[in-house]
C-alpha atoms as a PDB file:
ATOM      1  CA  MET A   1      -0.679  -1.756  19.023  1.00  0.00           C
ATOM      2  CA  ALA A   2      -4.276  -1.120  20.402  1.00  0.00           C
ATOM      3  CA  ALA A   3      -5.117   1.457  18.211  1.00  0.00           C
ATOM      4  CA  PHE A   4      -3.895  -1.600  15.434  1.00  0.00           C
ATOM      5  CA  ASP A   5      -6.036  -3.430  16.972  1.00  0.00           C
ATOM      6  CA  GLU A   6      -8.640  -1.001  17.641  1.00  0.00           C
ATOM      7  CA  LEU A   7      -8.742  -0.448  14.146  1.00  0.00           C
ATOM      8  CA  ALA A   8      -9.183  -4.178  13.093  1.00  0.00           C
ATOM      9  CA  GLU A   9     -12.440  -4.298  15.316  1.00  0.00           C
ATOM     10  CA  VAL A  10     -14.152  -1.555  14.476  1.00  0.00           C
ATOM     11  CA  GLY A  11     -11.862   0.528  11.787  1.00  0.00           C
ATOM     12  CA  TYR A  12     -11.682   3.088  10.832  1.00  0.00           C
ATOM     13  CA  ALA A  13     -14.984   5.210  10.742  1.00  0.00           C
ATOM     14  CA  ALA A  14     -15.575   4.202  14.816  1.00  0.00           C
ATOM     15  CA  LEU A  15     -11.979   4.344  15.915  1.00  0.00           C
ATOM     16  CA  THR A  16     -11.762   6.985  18.553  1.00  0.00           C
ATOM     17  CA  MET A  17      -9.054   8.104  20.517  1.00  0.00           C
ATOM     18  CA  GLU A  18     -10.675   7.776  24.046  1.00  0.00           C
ATOM     19  CA  ARG A  19     -11.413   3.475  23.013  1.00  0.00           C
ATOM     20  CA  VAL A  20      -7.731   3.445  22.034  1.00  0.00           C
ATOM     21  CA  ALA A  21      -6.350   5.172  24.798  1.00  0.00           C
ATOM     22  CA  ALA A  22      -8.776   3.174  27.116  1.00  0.00           C
ATOM     23  CA  ARG A  23      -7.084  -0.407  24.887  1.00  0.00           C
ATOM     24  CA  ALA A  24      -3.458   1.104  25.624  1.00  0.00           C
ATOM     25  CA  ARG A  25      -3.849   1.614  29.521  1.00  0.00           C
ATOM     26  CA  THR A  26      -3.104   5.062  28.996  1.00  0.00           C
ATOM     27  CA  SER A  27      -4.889   8.504  28.704  1.00  0.00           C
ATOM     28  CA  LYS A  28      -6.210  11.155  25.888  1.00  0.00           C
ATOM     29  CA  ALA A  29      -3.583  13.132  26.693  1.00  0.00           C
ATOM     30  CA  ALA A  30      -0.679  10.709  26.165  1.00  0.00           C
ATOM     31  CA  LEU A  31      -2.014   9.784  22.901  1.00  0.00           C
ATOM     32  CA  TYR A  32      -2.313  14.040  21.509  1.00  0.00           C
ATOM     33  CA  ARG A  33       0.913  13.807  22.539  1.00  0.00           C
ATOM     34  CA  ARG A  34       2.171  11.762  20.627  1.00  0.00           C
ATOM     35  CA  TRP A  35      -0.823  12.486  17.482  1.00  0.00           C
ATOM     36  CA  THR A  36      -2.830  15.155  16.276  1.00  0.00           C
ATOM     37  CA  GLY A  37      -5.756  12.937  16.145  1.00  0.00           C
ATOM     38  CA  ARG A  38      -7.182   9.919  14.953  1.00  0.00           C
ATOM     39  CA  ALA A  39      -6.306   9.767  11.333  1.00  0.00           C
ATOM     40  CA  GLU A  40      -2.379  10.112  12.456  1.00  0.00           C
ATOM     41  CA  LEU A  41      -3.307   6.938  14.952  1.00  0.00           C
ATOM     42  CA  ALA A  42      -4.376   4.969  12.312  1.00  0.00           C
ATOM     43  CA  LEU A  43      -2.240   5.705   9.469  1.00  0.00           C
ATOM     44  CA  ASP A  44       0.763   5.223  11.951  1.00  0.00           C
ATOM     45  CA  ALA A  45      -0.887   1.704  13.339  1.00  0.00           C
ATOM     46  CA  TRP A  46      -1.258   0.140   9.635  1.00  0.00           C
ATOM     47  CA  GLN A  47       2.350   1.422   8.450  1.00  0.00           C
ATOM     48  CA  ALA A  48       3.465  -0.281  11.303  1.00  0.00           C
ATOM     49  CA  ARG A  49       1.944  -3.143  10.043  1.00  0.00           C
ATOM     50  CA  GLY A  50       1.106  -2.634   7.221  1.00  0.00           C
ATOM     51  CA  LEU A  51       1.509  -3.538   3.034  1.00  0.00           C
ATOM     52  CA  SER A  52       4.758  -1.547   3.338  1.00  0.00           C
ATOM     53  CA  ASP A  53       6.415  -4.059   5.464  1.00  0.00           C
ATOM     54  CA  VAL A  54       7.066  -5.767   2.361  1.00  0.00           C
ATOM     55  CA  GLU A  55      10.921  -7.694   1.078  1.00  0.00           C
ATOM     56  CA  LEU A  56      11.932  -6.191  -1.531  1.00  0.00           C
ATOM     57  CA  PRO A  57      12.783  -9.103  -4.226  1.00  0.00           C
ATOM     58  CA  ASP A  58      15.547  -9.053  -6.022  1.00  0.00           C
ATOM     59  CA  THR A  59      15.424 -12.399  -8.460  1.00  0.00           C
ATOM     60  CA  GLY A  60      17.146 -10.820 -11.484  1.00  0.00           C
ATOM     61  CA  THR A  61      14.701  -9.947 -13.828  1.00  0.00           C
ATOM     62  CA  LEU A  62      12.425  -6.689 -13.374  1.00  0.00           C
ATOM     63  CA  ARG A  63       8.969  -9.637 -14.815  1.00  0.00           C
ATOM     64  CA  SER A  64      10.139 -11.965 -11.262  1.00  0.00           C
ATOM     65  CA  ASP A  65      10.874  -8.995  -9.185  1.00  0.00           C
ATOM     66  CA  LEU A  66       7.533  -7.776  -9.959  1.00  0.00           C
ATOM     67  CA  LEU A  67       5.690 -11.243  -9.548  1.00  0.00           C
ATOM     68  CA  ALA A  68       7.405 -11.931  -6.626  1.00  0.00           C
ATOM     69  CA  LEU A  69       5.639  -8.428  -5.342  1.00  0.00           C
ATOM     70  CA  LEU A  70       2.926  -8.567  -6.301  1.00  0.00           C
ATOM     71  CA  ARG A  71       2.471 -11.700  -4.704  1.00  0.00           C
ATOM     72  CA  GLN A  72       3.846 -11.135  -1.195  1.00  0.00           C
ATOM     73  CA  VAL A  73       1.035  -7.876  -1.522  1.00  0.00           C
ATOM     74  CA  SER A  74      -1.627  -9.994  -2.103  1.00  0.00           C
ATOM     75  CA  ALA A  75      -1.082 -12.168   0.570  1.00  0.00           C
ATOM     76  CA  LYS A  76      -0.822  -8.885   2.732  1.00  0.00           C
ATOM     77  CA  MET A  77      -4.159  -7.960   1.330  1.00  0.00           C
ATOM     78  CA  ASP A  78      -5.335 -11.669   2.439  1.00  0.00           C
ATOM     79  CA  SER A  79      -4.989 -10.828   5.381  1.00  0.00           C
ATOM     80  CA  PRO A  80      -6.571  -8.609   8.721  1.00  0.00           C
ATOM     81  CA  ILE A  81      -4.257  -6.079   7.332  1.00  0.00           C
ATOM     82  CA  GLY A  82      -6.375  -5.950   3.863  1.00  0.00           C
ATOM     83  CA  GLY A  83      -9.221  -5.755   6.110  1.00  0.00           C
ATOM     84  CA  ILE A  84      -8.216  -2.413   7.201  1.00  0.00           C
ATOM     85  CA  MET A  85      -6.671  -1.268   4.259  1.00  0.00           C
ATOM     86  CA  ARG A  86     -10.060  -1.352   3.010  1.00  0.00           C
ATOM     87  CA  GLY A  87     -11.929   0.528   5.644  1.00  0.00           C
ATOM     88  CA  LEU A  88      -9.324   2.424   5.432  1.00  0.00           C
ATOM     89  CA  LEU A  89      -9.673   3.613   2.062  1.00  0.00           C
ATOM     90  CA  VAL A  90     -13.347   3.892   2.500  1.00  0.00           C
ATOM     91  CA  ASP A  91     -13.378   6.501   5.008  1.00  0.00           C
ATOM     92  CA  LEU A  92     -10.631   8.189   2.276  1.00  0.00           C
ATOM     93  CA  THR A  93     -13.523   9.431   0.920  1.00  0.00           C
ATOM     94  CA  ARG A  94     -16.124  10.903   4.118  1.00  0.00           C
ATOM     95  CA  ASP A  95     -12.465  12.601   6.033  1.00  0.00           C
ATOM     96  CA  PRO A  96     -10.760  15.580   4.031  1.00  0.00           C
ATOM     97  CA  GLU A  97      -7.997  15.186   6.734  1.00  0.00           C
ATOM     98  CA  PHE A  98      -7.408  11.733   6.555  1.00  0.00           C
ATOM     99  CA  ALA A  99      -7.406  11.891   2.508  1.00  0.00           C
ATOM    100  CA  ARG A 100      -4.249  14.323   3.003  1.00  0.00           C
ATOM    101  CA  LEU A 101      -2.839  12.253   4.873  1.00  0.00           C
ATOM    102  CA  ILE A 102      -3.062   9.541   2.647  1.00  0.00           C
ATOM    103  CA  ARG A 103      -1.924  11.443  -0.353  1.00  0.00           C
ATOM    104  CA  GLU A 104       1.149  12.838   2.153  1.00  0.00           C
ATOM    105  CA  ARG A 105       2.436   9.425   3.974  1.00  0.00           C
ATOM    106  CA  ILE A 106       1.171   6.808   2.137  1.00  0.00           C
ATOM    107  CA  HIS A 107       0.928   7.497  -1.836  1.00  0.00           C
ATOM    108  CA  THR A 108       4.763   8.755  -1.754  1.00  0.00           C
ATOM    109  CA  THR A 109       6.158   5.518   0.495  1.00  0.00           C
ATOM    110  CA  GLY A 110       4.090   2.768  -0.932  1.00  0.00           C
ATOM    111  CA  PRO A 111       5.552   2.935  -4.679  1.00  0.00           C
ATOM    112  CA  VAL A 112       8.925   3.032  -2.821  1.00  0.00           C
ATOM    113  CA  ALA A 113       9.356  -0.765  -3.895  1.00  0.00           C
ATOM    114  CA  VAL A 114       8.437  -0.541  -7.272  1.00  0.00           C
ATOM    115  CA  ARG A 115      10.181   2.275  -8.106  1.00  0.00           C
ATOM    116  CA  THR A 116      13.533   0.033  -6.625  1.00  0.00           C
ATOM    117  CA  ILE A 117      12.242  -2.868  -8.475  1.00  0.00           C
ATOM    118  CA  LEU A 118      12.199  -1.186 -11.614  1.00  0.00           C
ATOM    119  CA  GLN A 119      16.122   0.919 -11.222  1.00  0.00           C
ATOM    120  CA  ARG A 120      17.590  -2.044 -10.557  1.00  0.00           C
ATOM    121  CA  ALA A 121      16.132  -2.796 -13.615  1.00  0.00           C
ATOM    122  CA  VAL A 122      16.981   0.164 -15.929  1.00  0.00           C
ATOM    123  CA  GLU A 123      20.606  -0.484 -13.971  1.00  0.00           C
ATOM    124  CA  ARG A 124      20.300  -4.100 -16.012  1.00  0.00           C
ATOM    125  CA  GLY A 125      19.323  -2.555 -19.407  1.00  0.00           C
ATOM    126  CA  GLU A 126      15.475  -3.255 -19.144  1.00  0.00           C
ATOM    127  CA  VAL A 127      14.035  -0.188 -18.793  1.00  0.00           C
ATOM    128  CA  GLU A 128      14.237   2.814 -19.864  1.00  0.00           C
ATOM    129  CA  GLU A 129      16.331   5.309 -17.480  1.00  0.00           C
ATOM    130  CA  TRP A 130      13.037   7.371 -17.120  1.00  0.00           C
ATOM    131  CA  VAL A 131      10.454   4.676 -15.849  1.00  0.00           C
ATOM    132  CA  PRO A 132      11.360   5.061 -12.347  1.00  0.00           C
ATOM    133  CA  ALA A 133       9.969   8.828 -12.162  1.00  0.00           C
ATOM    134  CA  SER A 134       6.676   8.404 -14.610  1.00  0.00           C
ATOM    135  CA  ARG A 135       3.470   7.978 -13.927  1.00  0.00           C
ATOM    136  CA  ARG A 136       3.698   3.952 -15.346  1.00  0.00           C
ATOM    137  CA  ALA A 137       5.909   3.540 -12.353  1.00  0.00           C
ATOM    138  CA  THR A 138       2.918   1.877 -10.398  1.00  0.00           C
ATOM    139  CA  VAL A 139       0.276   0.852 -12.582  1.00  0.00           C
ATOM    140  CA  ALA A 140       0.986  -2.829 -11.753  1.00  0.00           C
ATOM    141  CA  THR A 141       0.405  -1.764  -7.475  1.00  0.00           C
ATOM    142  CA  ASP A 142      -2.345   0.467  -8.697  1.00  0.00           C
ATOM    143  CA  LEU A 143      -4.330  -2.922 -10.437  1.00  0.00           C
ATOM    144  CA  LEU A 144      -3.468  -4.836  -7.675  1.00  0.00           C
ATOM    145  CA  ARG A 145      -5.193  -2.657  -5.379  1.00  0.00           C
ATOM    146  CA  ASN A 146      -7.978  -1.764  -7.372  1.00  0.00           C
ATOM    147  CA  GLU A 147      -8.974  -5.151  -8.221  1.00  0.00           C
ATOM    148  CA  PHE A 148      -8.861  -6.235  -4.245  1.00  0.00           C
ATOM    149  CA  LEU A 149     -10.944  -3.093  -3.843  1.00  0.00           C
ATOM    150  CA  LEU A 150     -13.672  -4.356  -6.131  1.00  0.00           C
ATOM    151  CA  PHE A 151     -13.268  -8.108  -5.745  1.00  0.00           C
ATOM    152  CA  GLY A 152     -11.938  -9.111  -2.903  1.00  0.00           C
ATOM    153  CA  ALA A 153      -8.675 -11.125  -1.239  1.00  0.00           C
ATOM    154  CA  PRO A 154      -6.849 -13.430  -2.443  1.00  0.00           C
ATOM    155  CA  VAL A 155      -6.390 -11.776  -5.756  1.00  0.00           C
ATOM    156  CA  GLU A 156      -5.820 -15.056  -8.283  1.00  0.00           C
ATOM    157  CA  ASP A 157      -2.218 -15.701  -9.256  1.00  0.00           C
ATOM    158  CA  GLU A 158      -3.724 -15.826 -12.223  1.00  0.00           C
ATOM    159  CA  THR A 159      -4.713 -12.498 -12.293  1.00  0.00           C
ATOM    160  CA  ILE A 160      -1.286 -11.536 -10.926  1.00  0.00           C
ATOM    161  CA  ILE A 161      -0.221 -12.515 -13.910  1.00  0.00           C
ATOM    162  CA  GLU A 162      -2.070 -10.776 -15.979  1.00  0.00           C
ATOM    163  CA  ILE A 163      -1.435  -7.779 -14.538  1.00  0.00           C
ATOM    164  CA  VAL A 164       2.231  -8.011 -15.609  1.00  0.00           C
ATOM    165  CA  ASP A 165       2.205 -10.091 -18.181  1.00  0.00           C
ATOM    166  CA  ASP A 166      -0.851  -8.259 -20.780  1.00  0.00           C
ATOM    167  CA  VAL A 167      -0.259  -4.901 -19.256  1.00  0.00           C
ATOM    168  CA  TYR A 168       2.787  -4.277 -16.258  1.00  0.00           C
ATOM    169  CA  LEU A 169       5.365  -5.263 -19.076  1.00  0.00           C
ATOM    170  CA  PRO A 170       4.115  -3.421 -22.442  1.00  0.00           C
ATOM    171  CA  LEU A 171       3.562  -0.545 -20.713  1.00  0.00           C
ATOM    172  CA  VAL A 172       7.066   0.304 -18.948  1.00  0.00           C
ATOM    173  CA  LEU A 173       9.074  -1.287 -22.060  1.00  0.00           C
ATOM    174  CA  ALA A 174       6.738   0.489 -24.641  1.00  0.00           C
ATOM    175  CA  PRO A 175       8.999   4.020 -25.896  1.00  0.00           C
ATOM    176  CA  ALA A 176       8.321   7.521 -25.013  1.00  0.00           C
ATOM    177  CA  ARG A 177       5.757   9.390 -25.916  1.00  0.00           C
ATOM    178  CA  GLY A 178       6.950  12.554 -27.533  1.00  0.00           C
END
């Protein structure tokens, strides 16, 4: 996809509808018929090849599923997709429309995998029913994203294990505040 290639080459800050149209050998008008602007175009391009394309692990235990998921996400972060993600998140602070789209599209769809894993854990009796809908649900992926943004990729396997064993599992296994 021309938009993804353009993002990988120049980043979101320098992405223009003109450059994408030229790369795709089409017109700006054709792009605007499908996307309202570069923010939507960039998000669609990133999502088409982005972090949302992971295999949902089903190993039979919450810990193993989480480790497998975080390792997959970490591997994606250590690819050109991760570089694009870093650039998109930096530009999020500069473009209010882009920030709105990120909140609407990615923040609501990104946690689907971890919530599915948690729902399976509920069905197996590993966690309480309220956990998948709680703020606690996405802490593991939030910590992984933070590690990536601050220290880059690859995120060490030891760090992934610490996130799961030392932070996430104690958090989601703890009782709800009363």
